[in-house]
C-alpha cells in the first residue's frame, strides 16, 4: 500500500480483515519455478504464507501499515515497513523471480513509473504478478448507469483509497506501455449471480468482463 493511503484513511478506519485475504486465486499467476518473491503491500503476510506452502522459496514483503507488518514478520522471511515506491528502493539490492502486487497498483499515485522502475529488481526472465480491481464490474456499472452514483466505500472496487481505476483493456495497456509482455490476463472472482450471467448472454458475451471483480496478470519485462 502507498503512503497516500494513510493520508486519506487511518489504519483504525480499515475493515478488520483488510490485510488478511489469502488470495489463493492468485497462485495461478505466479511463475512455476520461482524461488524468490517480493510482495509490495503484503498486508499480514497471508498470501506470502500460502505461497511458501506451495514453493520452496524465500518471500519478502513491504507493508505500510505497522500492525499488519508485525503480523507479516511472523509469516515471511523479511518484511520492510513503508510505502511504495519509496521503500522498494531502500531494501537491500537483490533480484527476485517474481514481484507481487495484489490490489496495490490502483492505490499508487504513479503505478506506471513503479512498474518501470521495479524491473531492476527482477532476475532475467522474472515477472510481475498482479491483481487489479475491475471498474467495469457489473455492480459498479449498475450503480453508475441506473442509480447515477459513484460512492466510495471502505473496501472493494470503489475503495476510498483507490487513486486509479482500470478495465481489462487498460490493465493490459498499463503493463504493455511500460515495456512488459503480458503472458497471462484473466478475470478472477467471477460473479455467481444468475441475473448478471443472463444479462451477459443477452449481450452475446459483450459484457463478459463485467462478471469479474478483478483481473489477474502475469507480465515479463521485454528488455530484461
Foldseek 3Di string as FASTA:
>chain_A
DAPLLCVPPNPVLADPCPQPDQPPVLVVQADDQWAEEEEEQNFLVNVVLVVVVVYNHAYEYEHAHPVSQVNNVVRHDYYHHHGPPVVVVVDPQAAGLEYEAEQNLQLDPCSLVVLLVCLSRHDVNHKYKYKAFACLAPVNVCCCPPVVDLDADSDAQRNVSGPDHDHQVVVCVSQVVSQKDWPDKDAPPFDPDPVQVVVCVVVVNPSVSNRGRIMITMIDHPVD
